[in-house]
């Protein structure tokens, strides 16, 4: 499976479901106002998939043109762009996981593997095979691979990926299948032990996290 959602096979109808089921943060709530009608207008403007829409919205400077084509206010498209791009988290540099062995990072970098997407995709053919190719032990790679997998989830930073591993959730699939209360308690306990972050994470945040993880392609 790919690192991201298969945007070319995901329809705008599916995007509507994602947005309607999501507990959108307050700044994105206006997206729900006339959502079906606006997505229908985008279909008529030639947007057949989430991939089409993402490509057309890739550069913010193209939004006025899309707004004219679809007859949609450009301010609405600014919000829609933010929401759509959020489903495709930017891969993290492996060097951002600076609590792990940097010698491993150096060897991976030399092999052309510099970020979480590259590592996740390289490991998909087998961890042992990858370990042999980059001249590392399998055990040297396991936590990096777990963190790379978790980084596919929207909002998961390197630090929060570390928290999830410490809490016993080492894959996007395990987060997607988690009970929100169980995951919440596990995260609180892990942070109480090691103080990974100073802020507070609420149960609503955890429910959003699980909803985001459900959209991540399964292995």
Foldseek 3Di string as FASTA:
>chain_A
DALAFPFVPAFVVNVLVLVVPFPDDPVLVVCPVCVVVQSVLLVVLPRGTLVSLLVCPVDLVSLVVSCVSSVHDSVSVVSVNVVSCLRAQDWAFLCVLVVADVVVQVLCVVVVRTTLNSLLVLCVVPLVVSCVVSVHDSVSCQQSNLLSQLSSFGPQDSLNSVLCVLLVHRHLVSLLPDDLVSSQVSSVVSCVVPVSDDDDDDSSNSVNRNSRSVSGDDD
